[in-house]
Amino acid sequence: MIIAIVGVAGCGWAGIEKEYDIKRGTLRELKLNNGLPIRKTLWNYALAILSGVLWYMQFFLYGLAHVRIGVFQFASWIIHMSMLIFFSFIVGIILKEWRKVTNKT
């Protein structure tokens, strides 16, 4: 039931965003023939889907771990956020997000 409610809310938000995208003219970026190679566009879609699944799973796994952490429940949110930052850094290194960044940055 909760997933259905979240899904409906997500669709509503997507509808609101779509209206703004039409006004800004950015909706064409979602098409497969948006000027990028098709492989790059599909890769972007795959990463977007993966990030959505991971975002959802983080709270599911956090809920499971929070009740099992025992007397250190007060630290569970800090550990959760630290792991998010750490794994985001690792993903950034693997995907070479900073390869064109200057040393000054």
Protein backbone atom coordinates (compact mmCIF):
# COMPACT_ATOMS: atom_id res chain seq x y z
CA MET A 1 0.00 0.00 0.00
CA ILE A 2 2.80 2.40 0.88
CA ILE A 3 4.56 1.67 -2.39
CA ALA A 4 1.35 2.47 -4.27
CA ILE A 5 1.00 5.80 -2.45
CA VAL A 6 4.62 6.70 -3.15
CA GLY A 7 4.13 5.70 -6.79
CA VAL A 8 1.07 7.93 -7.15
CA ALA A 9 2.90 10.83 -5.49
CA GLY A 10 5.86 10.27 -7.80
CA CYS A 11 3.62 10.30 -10.87
CA GLY A 12 1.99 13.51 -9.64
CA TRP A 13 5.37 15.15 -9.16
CA ALA A 14 6.46 13.93 -12.60
CA GLY A 15 3.36 15.59 -14.05
CA ILE A 16 4.20 18.89 -12.38
CA GLU A 17 7.80 18.66 -13.58
CA LYS A 18 6.63 17.80 -17.10
CA GLU A 19 4.65 21.04 -17.23
CA TYR A 20 7.74 23.04 -16.28
CA ASP A 21 9.87 21.08 -18.74
CA ILE A 22 7.46 21.96 -21.54
CA LYS A 23 7.69 25.64 -20.63
CA ARG A 24 11.50 25.51 -20.47
CA GLY A 25 11.80 23.38 -23.58
CA THR A 26 13.92 20.77 -21.81
CA LEU A 27 11.53 17.86 -22.30
CA ARG A 28 13.23 16.98 -25.58
CA GLU A 29 16.29 15.87 -23.60
CA LEU A 30 14.35 12.76 -22.54
CA LYS A 31 13.88 11.56 -26.12
CA LEU A 32 16.19 8.91 -27.49
CA ASN A 33 17.15 11.14 -30.42
CA ASN A 34 18.25 14.07 -28.27
CA GLY A 35 21.55 14.67 -30.04
CA LEU A 36 23.53 12.25 -27.87
CA PRO A 37 24.53 8.83 -29.14
CA ILE A 38 21.80 6.27 -28.37
CA ARG A 39 24.21 4.24 -26.25
CA LYS A 40 24.97 7.27 -24.07
CA THR A 41 21.27 8.06 -23.63
CA LEU A 42 20.45 4.48 -22.65
CA TRP A 43 23.41 4.50 -20.23
CA ASN A 44 22.01 7.67 -18.62
CA TYR A 45 18.60 6.01 -18.28
CA ALA A 46 20.17 2.91 -16.75
CA LEU A 47 22.10 5.00 -14.22
CA ALA A 48 18.94 6.95 -13.35
CA ILE A 49 17.02 3.72 -12.73
CA LEU A 50 19.88 2.29 -10.68
CA SER A 51 20.11 5.43 -8.55
CA GLY A 52 16.35 5.29 -7.90
CA VAL A 53 16.54 1.66 -6.81
CA LEU A 54 19.55 2.35 -4.59
CA TRP A 55 17.85 5.40 -3.07
CA TYR A 56 14.82 3.31 -2.17
CA MET A 57 16.90 0.41 -0.87
CA GLN A 58 18.99 2.61 1.42
CA PHE A 59 15.98 3.37 3.60
CA PHE A 60 14.82 -0.24 3.55
CA LEU A 61 18.23 -1.48 4.67
CA TYR A 62 18.62 1.39 7.13
CA GLY A 63 15.35 0.34 8.77
CA LEU A 64 16.54 -3.25 9.05
CA ALA A 65 19.91 -2.27 10.49
CA HIS A 66 18.55 0.38 12.87
CA VAL A 67 16.58 -2.12 14.95
CA ARG A 68 19.51 -4.55 15.11
CA ILE A 69 22.23 -2.11 16.09
CA GLY A 70 21.43 -2.44 19.81
CA VAL A 71 22.56 0.19 22.28
CA PHE A 72 24.24 2.21 19.52
CA GLN A 73 20.98 3.21 17.82
CA PHE A 74 21.86 6.84 18.49
CA ALA A 75 24.73 6.52 16.00
CA SER A 76 22.83 4.72 13.25
CA TRP A 77 21.94 7.86 11.27
CA ILE A 78 25.53 9.12 11.41
CA ILE A 79 26.81 5.76 10.20
CA HIS A 80 24.17 5.75 7.46
CA MET A 81 25.14 9.20 6.19
CA SER A 82 28.86 8.40 6.39
CA MET A 83 28.37 5.29 4.28
CA LEU A 84 26.38 7.29 1.72
CA ILE A 85 29.21 9.78 1.36
CA PHE A 86 31.85 7.05 1.21
CA PHE A 87 30.08 4.96 -1.43
CA SER A 88 29.23 8.05 -3.47
CA PHE A 89 32.92 8.89 -3.51
CA ILE A 90 33.80 5.35 -4.64
CA VAL A 91 31.18 5.44 -7.43
CA GLY A 92 32.55 8.82 -8.53
CA ILE A 93 36.05 7.38 -8.74
CA ILE A 94 34.87 4.30 -10.68
CA LEU A 95 32.84 6.40 -13.15
CA LYS A 96 35.69 8.94 -13.43
CA GLU A 97 33.47 11.91 -12.68
CA TRP A 98 36.45 14.16 -12.01
CA ARG A 99 38.67 13.22 -14.95
CA LYS A 100 38.40 16.64 -16.65
CA VAL A 101 38.71 18.69 -13.49
CA THR A 102 41.76 20.87 -13.09
CA ASN A 103 44.17 20.43 -10.20
CA LYS A 104 43.14 23.85 -8.88
CA THR A 105 39.60 22.58 -8.34
